[in-house]
Amino acid sequence: ANALTAVQINAPHWMHSVVKGERSANVDIIKKSHPDVRIFFRDDHIALEGPPEEVELVRSQVQAVIDDLRNNNTTYLELEIDPQYYKQLIGKNQIRLTEIQEQTGCDIRFPFVDESRFVKLMGTQESVD
């Protein structure tokens, strides 16, 4: 019989995008190398299901990303900013945005949806401040 196991990894919702990677690249890699493992992103955790050995491999990869975020004191903040200021903050060809990110070491993400007014900041406590 094929044994299946399920594990949960504690991870606040904001960490999920880092685990997923840019355009879900990390998840795609995991799915290719471990097609039998299913990944579910829940509110405050990530759930894995599949064959025990493979689930353990994926769990350790995901846990490593989360541990990195915790060890680097990564913090997350959503700032409400009126969309009329986005152009100024981003700058032509994202020059201003790149400058701010390089100076602070903070990852800044503007919402793609017009209705959203929340800009996401992620980095060390110092860089986010």
Foldseek 3Di string as FASTA:
>chain_A
DQDKDKDKAFAALVCVDVCLDDVSVNVVVLCVVPVQWDWDRDHGIIMIMGGPVSSVVSVVVSVVSRVVCVVQQKDKDKDFAPPVCVCVCQDDVSPNVVVLCVVLVWDWADDPDPVGRIIMIIGHPRSRD
